[in-house]
Amino acid sequence: LVQPGGSLRLSCAASGIIFILNDLAWYRQAPGKQRELVATIT
């Protein structure tokens, strides 16, 4: 929980893939909405 104007840093630990060879992404899903793409990194 953060106030408007605040900051957070999310982390995602991955396993079971060859991490260095994969393009990765963050997605989000708000209540009542479809999951959407937020950011990608090749």
Full PDB file with SEQRES, HELIX, SHEET, SSBOND, CRYST1, ORIGX, SCALE, CONECT and MASTER records, all heavy atoms in Angstrom:
SEQRES   1 A   42  LEU VAL GLN PRO GLY GLY SER LEU ARG LEU SER CYS ALA          
SEQRES   2 A   42  ALA SER GLY ILE ILE PHE ILE LEU ASN ASP LEU ALA TRP          
SEQRES   3 A   42  TYR ARG GLN ALA PRO GLY LYS GLN ARG GLU LEU VAL ALA          
SEQRES   4 A   42  THR ILE THR                                                  
HELIX    1 AA1 PHE A   19  LEU A   21  5                                   3    
SHEET    1 AA1 2 LEU A  24  ARG A  28  0                                        
SHEET    2 AA1 2 GLU A  36  ILE A  41 -1                                        
CRYST1    1.000    1.000    1.000  90.00  90.00  90.00 P 1           1          
ORIGX1      1.000000  0.000000  0.000000        0.00000                         
ORIGX2      0.000000  1.000000  0.000000        0.00000                         
ORIGX3      0.000000  0.000000  1.000000        0.00000                         
SCALE1      1.000000  0.000000  0.000000        0.00000                         
SCALE2      0.000000  1.000000  0.000000        0.00000                         
SCALE3      0.000000  0.000000  1.000000        0.00000                         
ATOM      1  N   LEU A   1       0.858  -1.184   0.000  1.00  0.00           N  
ATOM      2  CA  LEU A   1       0.000   0.000   0.000  1.00  0.00           C  
ATOM      3  C   LEU A   1       0.895   1.235   0.000  1.00  0.00           C  
ATOM      4  O   LEU A   1       1.805   1.348   0.839  1.00  0.00           O  
ATOM      5  CB  LEU A   1      -0.887  -0.013   1.239  1.00  0.00           C  
ATOM      6  CG  LEU A   1      -1.742   1.228   1.492  1.00  0.00           C  
ATOM      7  CD1 LEU A   1      -2.752   1.422   0.364  1.00  0.00           C  
ATOM      8  CD2 LEU A   1      -2.451   1.113   2.839  1.00  0.00           C  
ATOM      9  N   VAL A   2       0.623   2.145  -0.911  1.00  0.00           N  
ATOM     10  CA  VAL A   2       1.425   3.353  -1.030  1.00  0.00           C  
ATOM     11  C   VAL A   2       0.503   4.529  -1.320  1.00  0.00           C  
ATOM     12  O   VAL A   2      -0.544   4.355  -1.969  1.00  0.00           O  
ATOM     13  CB  VAL A   2       2.506   3.183  -2.116  1.00  0.00           C  
ATOM     14  CG1 VAL A   2       1.888   2.972  -3.479  1.00  0.00           C  
ATOM     15  CG2 VAL A   2       3.494   4.324  -2.116  1.00  0.00           C  
ATOM     16  N   GLN A   3       0.892   5.692  -0.857  1.00  0.00           N  
ATOM     17  CA  GLN A   3       0.102   6.891  -1.123  1.00  0.00           C  
ATOM     18  C   GLN A   3       0.349   7.395  -2.528  1.00  0.00           C  
ATOM     19  O   GLN A   3       1.412   7.132  -3.122  1.00  0.00           O  
ATOM     20  CB  GLN A   3       0.463   7.979  -0.115  1.00  0.00           C  
ATOM     21  CG  GLN A   3       0.031   7.666   1.307  1.00  0.00           C  
ATOM     22  CD  GLN A   3       0.230   8.843   2.247  1.00  0.00           C  
ATOM     23  OE1 GLN A   3       0.986   9.768   1.955  1.00  0.00           O  
ATOM     24  NE2 GLN A   3      -0.459   8.813   3.372  1.00  0.00           N  
ATOM     25  N   PRO A   4      -0.609   8.111  -3.096  1.00  0.00           N  
ATOM     26  CA  PRO A   4      -0.383   8.723  -4.420  1.00  0.00           C  
ATOM     27  C   PRO A   4       0.898   9.553  -4.423  1.00  0.00           C  
ATOM     28  O   PRO A   4       1.184  10.271  -3.462  1.00  0.00           O  
ATOM     29  CB  PRO A   4      -1.622   9.593  -4.617  1.00  0.00           C  
ATOM     30  CG  PRO A   4      -2.683   8.912  -3.813  1.00  0.00           C  
ATOM     31  CD  PRO A   4      -1.975   8.359  -2.610  1.00  0.00           C  
ATOM     32  N   GLY A   5       1.656   9.423  -5.491  1.00  0.00           N  
ATOM     33  CA  GLY A   5       2.945  10.090  -5.591  1.00  0.00           C  
ATOM     34  C   GLY A   5       4.103   9.285  -5.068  1.00  0.00           C  
ATOM     35  O   GLY A   5       5.264   9.670  -5.264  1.00  0.00           O  
ATOM     36  N   GLY A   6       3.823   8.169  -4.423  1.00  0.00           N  
ATOM     37  CA  GLY A   6       4.866   7.336  -3.851  1.00  0.00           C  
ATOM     38  C   GLY A   6       5.521   6.409  -4.856  1.00  0.00           C  
ATOM     39  O   GLY A   6       5.205   6.426  -6.053  1.00  0.00           O  
ATOM     40  N   SER A   7       6.436   5.593  -4.342  1.00  0.00           N  
ATOM     41  CA  SER A   7       7.212   4.686  -5.181  1.00  0.00           C  
ATOM     42  C   SER A   7       7.228   3.279  -4.592  1.00  0.00           C  
ATOM     43  O   SER A   7       7.105   3.100  -3.380  1.00  0.00           O  
ATOM     44  CB  SER A   7       8.661   5.181  -5.303  1.00  0.00           C  
ATOM     45  OG  SER A   7       8.730   6.434  -5.914  1.00  0.00           O  
ATOM     46  N   LEU A   8       7.386   2.307  -5.464  1.00  0.00           N  
ATOM     47  CA  LEU A   8       7.598   0.920  -5.077  1.00  0.00           C  
ATOM     48  C   LEU A   8       8.547   0.291  -6.079  1.00  0.00           C  
ATOM     49  O   LEU A   8       8.602   0.705  -7.243  1.00  0.00           O  
ATOM     50  CB  LEU A   8       6.293   0.123  -5.074  1.00  0.00           C  
ATOM     51  CG  LEU A   8       5.317   0.321  -3.926  1.00  0.00           C  
ATOM     52  CD1 LEU A   8       4.017  -0.431  -4.217  1.00  0.00           C  
ATOM     53  CD2 LEU A   8       5.909  -0.140  -2.608  1.00  0.00           C  
ATOM     54  N   ARG A   9       9.268  -0.728  -5.619  1.00  0.00           N  
ATOM     55  CA  ARG A   9      10.118  -1.516  -6.514  1.00  0.00           C  
ATOM     56  C   ARG A   9       9.686  -2.970  -6.423  1.00  0.00           C  
ATOM     57  O   ARG A   9       9.791  -3.593  -5.368  1.00  0.00           O  
ATOM     58  CB  ARG A   9      11.586  -1.384  -6.132  1.00  0.00           C  
ATOM     59  CG  ARG A   9      12.530  -2.010  -7.159  1.00  0.00           C  
ATOM     60  CD  ARG A   9      13.928  -2.107  -6.626  1.00  0.00           C  
ATOM     61  NE  ARG A   9      14.896  -2.404  -7.676  1.00  0.00           N  
ATOM     62  CZ  ARG A   9      16.034  -3.048  -7.478  1.00  0.00           C  
ATOM     63  NH1 ARG A   9      16.361  -3.451  -6.260  1.00  0.00           N  
ATOM     64  NH2 ARG A   9      16.874  -3.272  -8.468  1.00  0.00           N  
ATOM     65  N   LEU A  10       9.220  -3.482  -7.545  1.00  0.00           N  
ATOM     66  CA  LEU A  10       8.806  -4.872  -7.615  1.00  0.00           C  
ATOM     67  C   LEU A  10       9.962  -5.746  -8.099  1.00  0.00           C  
ATOM     68  O   LEU A  10      10.792  -5.308  -8.899  1.00  0.00           O  
ATOM     69  CB  LEU A  10       7.621  -5.041  -8.561  1.00  0.00           C  
ATOM     70  CG  LEU A  10       6.408  -4.154  -8.309  1.00  0.00           C  
ATOM     71  CD1 LEU A  10       5.294  -4.514  -9.293  1.00  0.00           C  
ATOM     72  CD2 LEU A  10       5.933  -4.245  -6.880  1.00  0.00           C  
ATOM     73  N   SER A  11       9.980  -6.972  -7.613  1.00  0.00           N  
ATOM     74  CA  SER A  11      10.974  -7.958  -8.038  1.00  0.00           C  
ATOM     75  C   SER A  11      10.265  -9.220  -8.504  1.00  0.00           C  
ATOM     76  O   SER A  11       9.190  -9.556  -7.995  1.00  0.00           O  
ATOM     77  CB  SER A  11      11.910  -8.319  -6.883  1.00  0.00           C  
ATOM     78  OG  SER A  11      12.602  -7.198  -6.408  1.00  0.00           O  
ATOM     79  N   CYS A  12      10.884  -9.907  -9.428  1.00  0.00           N  
ATOM     80  CA  CYS A  12      10.359 -11.195  -9.890  1.00  0.00           C  
ATOM     81  C   CYS A  12      11.523 -12.146 -10.095  1.00  0.00           C  
ATOM     82  O   CYS A  12      12.376 -11.906 -10.959  1.00  0.00           O  
ATOM     83  CB  CYS A  12       9.577 -11.034 -11.176  1.00  0.00           C  
ATOM     84  SG  CYS A  12       9.097 -12.606 -11.928  1.00  0.00           S  
ATOM     85  N   ALA A  13      11.557 -13.188  -9.291  1.00  0.00           N  
ATOM     86  CA  ALA A  13      12.577 -14.220  -9.427  1.00  0.00           C  
ATOM     87  C   ALA A  13      12.044 -15.320 -10.331  1.00  0.00           C  
ATOM     88  O   ALA A  13      10.971 -15.877 -10.074  1.00  0.00           O  
ATOM     89  CB  ALA A  13      12.935 -14.775  -8.069  1.00  0.00           C  
ATOM     90  N   ALA A  14      12.786 -15.624 -11.368  1.00  0.00           N  
ATOM     91  CA  ALA A  14      12.362 -16.630 -12.345  1.00  0.00           C  
ATOM     92  C   ALA A  14      13.236 -17.868 -12.247  1.00  0.00           C  
ATOM     93  O   ALA A  14      14.433 -17.776 -11.976  1.00  0.00           O  
ATOM     94  CB  ALA A  14      12.426 -16.055 -13.750  1.00  0.00           C  
ATOM     95  N   SER A  15      12.626 -19.004 -12.468  1.00  0.00           N  
ATOM     96  CA  SER A  15      13.368 -20.258 -12.528  1.00  0.00           C  
ATOM     97  C   SER A  15      12.700 -21.170 -13.558  1.00  0.00           C  
ATOM     98  O   SER A  15      11.553 -20.946 -13.952  1.00  0.00           O  
ATOM     99  CB  SER A  15      13.407 -20.934 -11.154  1.00  0.00           C  
ATOM    100  OG  SER A  15      12.112 -21.199 -10.680  1.00  0.00           O  
ATOM    101  N   GLY A  16      13.459 -22.150 -14.001  1.00  0.00           N  
ATOM    102  CA  GLY A  16      12.916 -23.084 -14.967  1.00  0.00           C  
ATOM    103  C   GLY A  16      12.993 -22.607 -16.399  1.00  0.00           C  
ATOM    104  O   GLY A  16      12.459 -23.266 -17.301  1.00  0.00           O  
ATOM    105  N   ILE A  17      13.613 -21.445 -16.628  1.00  0.00           N  
ATOM    106  CA  ILE A  17      13.831 -20.946 -17.976  1.00  0.00           C  
ATOM    107  C   ILE A  17      15.293 -20.552 -18.118  1.00  0.00           C  
ATOM    108  O   ILE A  17      15.984 -20.357 -17.110  1.00  0.00           O  
ATOM    109  CB  ILE A  17      12.946 -19.713 -18.293  1.00  0.00           C  
ATOM    110  CG1 ILE A  17      13.254 -18.553 -17.327  1.00  0.00           C  
ATOM    111  CG2 ILE A  17      11.474 -20.080 -18.250  1.00  0.00           C  
ATOM    112  CD1 ILE A  17      12.582 -17.239 -17.687  1.00  0.00           C  
ATOM    113  N   ILE A  18      15.754 -20.458 -19.354  1.00  0.00           N  
ATOM    114  CA  ILE A  18      17.098 -19.926 -19.585  1.00  0.00           C  
ATOM    115  C   ILE A  18      16.946 -18.418 -19.597  1.00  0.00           C  
ATOM    116  O   ILE A  18      16.666 -17.802 -20.638  1.00  0.00           O  
ATOM    117  CB  ILE A  18      17.694 -20.462 -20.886  1.00  0.00           C  
ATOM    118  CG1 ILE A  18      17.698 -21.996 -20.852  1.00  0.00           C  
ATOM    119  CG2 ILE A  18      19.119 -19.944 -21.055  1.00  0.00           C  
ATOM    120  CD1 ILE A  18      18.155 -22.636 -22.140  1.00  0.00           C  
ATOM    121  N   PHE A  19      17.083 -17.834 -18.416  1.00  0.00           N  
ATOM    122  CA  PHE A  19      16.716 -16.440 -18.189  1.00  0.00           C  
ATOM    123  C   PHE A  19      17.388 -15.504 -19.183  1.00  0.00           C  
ATOM    124  O   PHE A  19      16.736 -14.637 -19.770  1.00  0.00           O  
ATOM    125  CB  PHE A  19      17.086 -16.073 -16.752  1.00  0.00           C  
ATOM    126  CG  PHE A  19      16.606 -14.728 -16.302  1.00  0.00           C  
ATOM    127  CD1 PHE A  19      15.337 -14.580 -15.766  1.00  0.00           C  
ATOM    128  CD2 PHE A  19      17.423 -13.615 -16.404  1.00  0.00           C  
ATOM    129  CE1 PHE A  19      14.888 -13.345 -15.329  1.00  0.00           C  
ATOM    130  CE2 PHE A  19      16.993 -12.377 -15.979  1.00  0.00           C  
ATOM    131  CZ  PHE A  19      15.726 -12.243 -15.455  1.00  0.00           C  
ATOM    132  N   ILE A  20      18.671 -15.686 -19.381  1.00  0.00           N  
ATOM    133  CA  ILE A  20      19.444 -14.734 -20.169  1.00  0.00           C  
ATOM    134  C   ILE A  20      19.009 -14.726 -21.634  1.00  0.00           C  
ATOM    135  O   ILE A  20      19.247 -13.743 -22.344  1.00  0.00           O  
ATOM    136  CB  ILE A  20      20.955 -15.033 -20.036  1.00  0.00           C  
ATOM    137  CG1 ILE A  20      21.786 -13.842 -20.480  1.00  0.00           C  
ATOM    138  CG2 ILE A  20      21.315 -16.310 -20.791  1.00  0.00           C  
ATOM    139  CD1 ILE A  20      23.259 -13.972 -20.132  1.00  0.00           C  
ATOM    140  N   LEU A  21      18.340 -15.742 -22.096  1.00  0.00           N  
ATOM    141  CA  LEU A  21      17.946 -15.838 -23.503  1.00  0.00           C  
ATOM    142  C   LEU A  21      16.542 -15.312 -23.765  1.00  0.00           C  
ATOM    143  O   LEU A  21      16.101 -15.289 -24.912  1.00  0.00           O  
ATOM    144  CB  LEU A  21      18.038 -17.287 -23.980  1.00  0.00           C  
ATOM    145  CG  LEU A  21      19.439 -17.884 -24.014  1.00  0.00           C  
ATOM    146  CD1 LEU A  21      19.376 -19.306 -24.558  1.00  0.00           C  
ATOM    147  CD2 LEU A  21      20.393 -17.050 -24.851  1.00  0.00           C  
ATOM    148  N   ASN A  22      15.844 -14.920 -22.706  1.00  0.00           N  
ATOM    149  CA  ASN A  22      14.437 -14.575 -22.847  1.00  0.00           C  
ATOM    150  C   ASN A  22      14.153 -13.087 -22.716  1.00  0.00           C  
ATOM    151  O   ASN A  22      14.751 -12.394 -21.889  1.00  0.00           O  
ATOM    152  CB  ASN A  22      13.610 -15.331 -21.809  1.00  0.00           C  
ATOM    153  CG  ASN A  22      13.300 -16.738 -22.258  1.00  0.00           C  
ATOM    154  OD1 ASN A  22      12.404 -16.967 -23.068  1.00  0.00           O  
ATOM    155  ND2 ASN A  22      14.054 -17.702 -21.740  1.00  0.00           N  
ATOM    156  N   ASP A  23      13.204 -12.615 -23.537  1.00  0.00           N  
ATOM    157  CA  ASP A  23      12.622 -11.293 -23.359  1.00  0.00           C  
ATOM    158  C   ASP A  23      11.553 -11.405 -22.279  1.00  0.00           C  
ATOM    159  O   ASP A  23      10.746 -12.333 -22.285  1.00  0.00           O  
ATOM    160  CB  ASP A  23      11.991 -10.804 -24.660  1.00  0.00           C  
ATOM    161  CG  ASP A  23      12.985 -10.695 -25.795  1.00  0.00           C  
ATOM    162  OD1 ASP A  23      14.200 -10.638 -25.527  1.00  0.00           O  
ATOM    163  OD2 ASP A  23      12.536 -10.660 -26.962  1.00  0.00           O  
ATOM    164  N   LEU A  24      11.537 -10.428 -21.388  1.00  0.00           N  
ATOM    165  CA  LEU A  24      10.681 -10.504 -20.206  1.00  0.00           C  
ATOM    166  C   LEU A  24       9.734  -9.313 -20.149  1.00  0.00           C  
ATOM    167  O   LEU A  24       9.938  -8.305 -20.834  1.00  0.00           O  
ATOM    168  CB  LEU A  24      11.552 -10.541 -18.954  1.00  0.00           C  
ATOM    169  CG  LEU A  24      12.536 -11.707 -18.900  1.00  0.00           C  
ATOM    170  CD1 LEU A  24      13.608 -11.440 -17.874  1.00  0.00           C  
ATOM    171  CD2 LEU A  24      11.811 -13.007 -18.591  1.00  0.00           C  
ATOM    172  N   ALA A  25       8.723  -9.435 -19.291  1.00  0.00           N  
ATOM    173  CA  ALA A  25       7.729  -8.370 -19.214  1.00  0.00           C  
ATOM    174  C   ALA A  25       7.052  -8.340 -17.848  1.00  0.00           C  
ATOM    175  O   ALA A  25       7.022  -9.347 -17.141  1.00  0.00           O  
ATOM    176  CB  ALA A  25       6.673  -8.567 -20.298  1.00  0.00           C  
ATOM    177  N   TRP A  26       6.535  -7.193 -17.527  1.00  0.00           N  
ATOM    178  CA  TRP A  26       5.624  -7.021 -16.402  1.00  0.00           C  
ATOM    179  C   TRP A  26       4.223  -6.754 -16.962  1.00  0.00           C  
ATOM    180  O   TRP A  26       4.075  -5.992 -17.937  1.00  0.00           O  
ATOM    181  CB  TRP A  26       6.050  -5.860 -15.511  1.00  0.00           C  
ATOM    182  CG  TRP A  26       7.171  -6.190 -14.586  1.00  0.00           C  
ATOM    183  CD1 TRP A  26       8.504  -5.946 -14.782  1.00  0.00           C  
ATOM    184  CD2 TRP A  26       7.063  -6.813 -13.305  1.00  0.00           C  
ATOM    185  NE1 TRP A  26       9.233  -6.390 -13.704  1.00  0.00           N  
ATOM    186  CE2 TRP A  26       8.370  -6.933 -12.778  1.00  0.00           C  
ATOM    187  CE3 TRP A  26       6.000  -7.291 -12.545  1.00  0.00           C  
ATOM    188  CZ2 TRP A  26       8.638  -7.499 -11.526  1.00  0.00           C  
ATOM    189  CZ3 TRP A  26       6.262  -7.842 -11.307  1.00  0.00           C  
ATOM    190  CH2 TRP A  26       7.561  -7.953 -10.813  1.00  0.00           C  
ATOM    191  N   TYR A  27       3.244  -7.348 -16.309  1.00  0.00           N  
ATOM    192  CA  TYR A  27       1.848  -7.169 -16.647  1.00  0.00           C  
ATOM    193  C   TYR A  27       1.113  -6.760 -15.368  1.00  0.00           C  
ATOM    194  O   TYR A  27       1.621  -6.926 -14.262  1.00  0.00           O  
ATOM    195  CB  TYR A  27       1.241  -8.483 -17.168  1.00  0.00           C  
ATOM    196  CG  TYR A  27       1.908  -9.051 -18.383  1.00  0.00           C  
ATOM    197  CD1 TYR A  27       3.103  -9.761 -18.287  1.00  0.00           C  
ATOM    198  CD2 TYR A  27       1.349  -8.882 -19.650  1.00  0.00           C  
ATOM    199  CE1 TYR A  27       3.722 -10.291 -19.411  1.00  0.00           C  
ATOM    200  CE2 TYR A  27       1.956  -9.414 -20.784  1.00  0.00           C  
ATOM    201  CZ  TYR A  27       3.144 -10.115 -20.652  1.00  0.00           C  
ATOM    202  OH  TYR A  27       3.754 -10.628 -21.765  1.00  0.00           O  
ATOM    203  N   ARG A  28      -0.103  -6.270 -15.530  1.00  0.00           N  
ATOM    204  CA  ARG A  28      -0.921  -5.979 -14.365  1.00  0.00           C  
ATOM    205  C   ARG A  28      -2.388  -6.236 -14.678  1.00  0.00           C  
ATOM    206  O   ARG A  28      -2.797  -6.155 -15.840  1.00  0.00           O  
ATOM    207  CB  ARG A  28      -0.729  -4.538 -13.880  1.00  0.00           C  
ATOM    208  CG  ARG A  28      -1.235  -3.453 -14.821  1.00  0.00           C  
ATOM    209  CD  ARG A  28      -0.865  -2.088 -14.280  1.00  0.00           C  
ATOM    210  NE  ARG A  28      -1.362  -1.015 -15.138  1.00  0.00           N  
ATOM    211  CZ  ARG A  28      -1.082   0.267 -14.957  1.00  0.00           C  
ATOM    212  NH1 ARG A  28      -0.306   0.646 -13.940  1.00  0.00           N  
ATOM    213  NH2 ARG A  28      -1.586   1.188 -15.774  1.00  0.00           N  
ATOM    214  N   GLN A  29      -3.137  -6.525 -13.641  1.00  0.00           N  
ATOM    215  CA  GLN A  29      -4.570  -6.734 -13.781  1.00  0.00           C  
ATOM    216  C   GLN A  29      -5.276  -6.002 -12.658  1.00  0.00           C  
ATOM    217  O   GLN A  29      -5.106  -6.344 -11.477  1.00  0.00           O  
ATOM    218  CB  GLN A  29      -4.913  -8.228 -13.757  1.00  0.00           C  
ATOM    219  CG  GLN A  29      -6.377  -8.499 -14.055  1.00  0.00           C  
ATOM    220  CD  GLN A  29      -6.651  -9.955 -14.356  1.00  0.00           C  
ATOM    221  OE1 GLN A  29      -5.876 -10.844 -14.006  1.00  0.00           O  
ATOM    222  NE2 GLN A  29      -7.769 -10.225 -15.019  1.00  0.00           N  
ATOM    223  N   ALA A  30      -6.049  -5.012 -13.040  1.00  0.00           N  
ATOM    224  CA  ALA A  30      -6.841  -4.248 -12.086  1.00  0.00           C  
ATOM    225  C   ALA A  30      -8.181  -4.938 -11.874  1.00  0.00           C  
ATOM    226  O   ALA A  30      -8.631  -5.708 -12.736  1.00  0.00           O  
ATOM    227  CB  ALA A  30      -7.045  -2.828 -12.593  1.00  0.00           C  
ATOM    228  N   PRO A  31      -8.844  -4.677 -10.765  1.00  0.00           N  
ATOM    229  CA  PRO A  31     -10.136  -5.310 -10.500  1.00  0.00           C  
ATOM    230  C   PRO A  31     -11.131  -5.056 -11.625  1.00  0.00           C  
ATOM    231  O   PRO A  31     -11.312  -3.917 -12.063  1.00  0.00           O  
ATOM    232  CB  PRO A  31     -10.587  -4.641  -9.200  1.00  0.00           C  
ATOM    233  CG  PRO A  31      -9.338  -4.198  -8.543  1.00  0.00           C  
ATOM    234  CD  PRO A  31      -8.405  -3.817  -9.649  1.00  0.00           C  
ATOM    235  N   GLY A  32     -11.733  -6.118 -12.126  1.00  0.00           N  
ATOM    236  CA  GLY A  32     -12.737  -6.006 -13.160  1.00  0.00           C  
ATOM    237  C   GLY A  32     -12.203  -5.734 -14.550  1.00  0.00           C  
ATOM    238  O   GLY A  32     -12.984  -5.502 -15.481  1.00  0.00           O  
ATOM    239  N   LYS A  33     -10.883  -5.761 -14.698  1.00  0.00           N  
ATOM    240  CA  LYS A  33     -10.285  -5.481 -16.009  1.00  0.00           C  
ATOM    241  C   LYS A  33      -9.428  -6.641 -16.469  1.00  0.00           C  
ATOM    242  O   LYS A  33      -9.030  -7.496 -15.672  1.00  0.00           O  
ATOM    243  CB  LYS A  33      -9.448  -4.202 -15.935  1.00  0.00           C  
ATOM    244  CG  LYS A  33     -10.261  -2.948 -15.656  1.00  0.00           C  
ATOM    245  CD  LYS A  33      -9.394  -1.709 -15.758  1.00  0.00           C  
ATOM    246  CE  LYS A  33     -10.199  -0.443 -15.554  1.00  0.00           C  
ATOM    247  NZ  LYS A  33      -9.364   0.777 -15.682  1.00  0.00           N  
ATOM    248  N   GLN A  34      -9.129  -6.641 -17.746  1.00  0.00           N  
ATOM    249  CA  GLN A  34      -8.260  -7.671 -18.295  1.00  0.00           C  
ATOM    250  C   GLN A  34      -6.799  -7.357 -17.950  1.00  0.00           C  
ATOM    251  O   GLN A  34      -6.420  -6.210 -17.722  1.00  0.00           O  
ATOM    252  CB  GLN A  34      -8.430  -7.754 -19.808  1.00  0.00           C  
ATOM    253  CG  GLN A  34      -9.763  -8.343 -20.248  1.00  0.00           C  
ATOM    254  CD  GLN A  34      -9.774  -8.733 -21.711  1.00  0.00           C  
ATOM    255  OE1 GLN A  34      -9.005  -8.221 -22.508  1.00  0.00           O  
ATOM    256  NE2 GLN A  34     -10.642  -9.670 -22.071  1.00  0.00           N  
ATOM    257  N   ARG A  35      -6.007  -8.410 -17.927  1.00  0.00           N  
ATOM    258  CA  ARG A  35      -4.585  -8.240 -17.719  1.00  0.00           C  
ATOM    259  C   ARG A  35      -4.000  -7.441 -18.884  1.00  0.00           C  
ATOM    260  O   ARG A  35      -4.355  -7.659 -20.046  1.00  0.00           O  
ATOM    261  CB  ARG A  35      -3.919  -9.600 -17.608  1.00  0.00           C  
ATOM    262  CG  ARG A  35      -2.473  -9.586 -17.189  1.00  0.00           C  
ATOM    263  CD  ARG A  35      -1.984 -11.010 -16.995  1.00  0.00           C  
ATOM    264  NE  ARG A  35      -2.543 -11.612 -15.805  1.00  0.00           N  
ATOM    265  CZ  ARG A  35      -2.800 -12.911 -15.669  1.00  0.00           C  
ATOM    266  NH1 ARG A  35      -2.564 -13.733 -16.673  1.00  0.00           N  
ATOM    267  NH2 ARG A  35      -3.297 -13.383 -14.554  1.00  0.00           N  
ATOM    268  N   GLU A  36      -3.075  -6.516 -18.555  1.00  0.00           N  
ATOM    269  CA  GLU A  36      -2.484  -5.674 -19.592  1.00  0.00           C  
ATOM    270  C   GLU A  36      -0.964  -5.652 -19.454  1.00  0.00           C  
ATOM    271  O   GLU A  36      -0.416  -5.808 -18.363  1.00  0.00           O  
ATOM    272  CB  GLU A  36      -3.027  -4.246 -19.519  1.00  0.00           C  
ATOM    273  CG  GLU A  36      -2.696  -3.509 -18.234  1.00  0.00           C  
ATOM    274  CD  GLU A  36      -3.189  -2.070 -18.242  1.00  0.00           C  
ATOM    275  OE1 GLU A  36      -3.723  -1.595 -19.265  1.00  0.00           O  
ATOM    276  OE2 GLU A  36      -3.025  -1.390 -17.198  1.00  0.00           O  
ATOM    277  N   LEU A  37      -0.323  -5.418 -20.584  1.00  0.00           N  
ATOM    278  CA  LEU A  37       1.124  -5.338 -20.613  1.00  0.00           C  
ATOM    279  C   LEU A  37       1.567  -3.975 -20.095  1.00  0.00           C  
ATOM    280  O   LEU A  37       1.036  -2.943 -20.510  1.00  0.00           O  
ATOM    281  CB  LEU A  37       1.615  -5.547 -22.048  1.00  0.00           C  
ATOM    282  CG  LEU A  37       3.110  -5.484 -22.298  1.00  0.00           C  
ATOM    283  CD1 LEU A  37       3.823  -6.617 -21.585  1.00  0.00           C  
ATOM    284  CD2 LEU A  37       3.384  -5.548 -23.798  1.00  0.00           C  
ATOM    285  N   VAL A  38       2.546  -3.968 -19.210  1.00  0.00           N  
ATOM    286  CA  VAL A  38       3.042  -2.729 -18.614  1.00  0.00           C  
ATOM    287  C   VAL A  38       4.396  -2.338 -19.200  1.00  0.00           C  
ATOM    288  O   VAL A  38       4.603  -1.190 -19.586  1.00  0.00           O  
ATOM    289  CB  VAL A  38       3.162  -2.881 -17.085  1.00  0.00           C  
ATOM    290  CG1 VAL A  38       3.819  -1.666 -16.464  1.00  0.00           C  
ATOM    291  CG2 VAL A  38       1.795  -3.138 -16.461  1.00  0.00           C  
ATOM    292  N   ALA A  39       5.319  -3.282 -19.239  1.00  0.00           N  
ATOM    293  CA  ALA A  39       6.679  -2.977 -19.691  1.00  0.00           C  
ATOM    294  C   ALA A  39       7.360  -4.248 -20.153  1.00  0.00           C  
ATOM    295  O   ALA A  39       7.061  -5.333 -19.651  1.00  0.00           O  
ATOM    296  CB  ALA A  39       7.496  -2.340 -18.564  1.00  0.00           C  
ATOM    297  N   THR A  40       8.271  -4.087 -21.109  1.00  0.00           N  
ATOM    298  CA  THR A  40       9.042  -5.218 -21.604  1.00  0.00           C  
ATOM    299  C   THR A  40      10.526  -4.888 -21.606  1.00  0.00           C  
ATOM    300  O   THR A  40      10.914  -3.713 -21.702  1.00  0.00           O  
ATOM    301  CB  THR A  40       8.622  -5.627 -23.022  1.00  0.00           C  
ATOM    302  OG1 THR A  40       8.910  -4.547 -23.917  1.00  0.00           O  
ATOM    303  CG2 THR A  40       7.147  -5.971 -23.091  1.00  0.00           C  
ATOM    304  N   ILE A  41      11.346  -5.924 -21.510  1.00  0.00           N  
ATOM    305  CA  ILE A  41      12.796  -5.779 -21.629  1.00  0.00           C  
ATOM    306  C   ILE A  41      13.317  -6.984 -22.393  1.00  0.00           C  
ATOM    307  O   ILE A  41      13.023  -8.123 -22.056  1.00  0.00           O  
ATOM    308  CB  ILE A  41      13.457  -5.630 -20.246  1.00  0.00           C  
ATOM    309  CG1 ILE A  41      14.956  -5.356 -20.406  1.00  0.00           C  
ATOM    310  CG2 ILE A  41      13.193  -6.833 -19.336  1.00  0.00           C  
ATOM    311  CD1 ILE A  41      15.617  -4.848 -19.124  1.00  0.00           C  
ATOM    312  N   THR A  42      14.080  -6.702 -23.436  1.00  0.00           N  
ATOM    313  CA  THR A  42      14.614  -7.791 -24.244  1.00  0.00           C  
ATOM    314  C   THR A  42      15.875  -8.364 -23.591  1.00  0.00           C  
ATOM    315  O   THR A  42      16.404  -7.813 -22.625  1.00  0.00           O  
ATOM    316  CB  THR A  42      14.955  -7.308 -25.647  1.00  0.00           C  
ATOM    317  OG1 THR A  42      16.087  -6.422 -25.561  1.00  0.00           O  
ATOM    318  CG2 THR A  42      13.778  -6.593 -26.290  1.00  0.00           C  
TER     319      THR A  42                                                      
MASTER        0    0    0    1    2    0    0    6  318    1    0    4          
END                                                                             
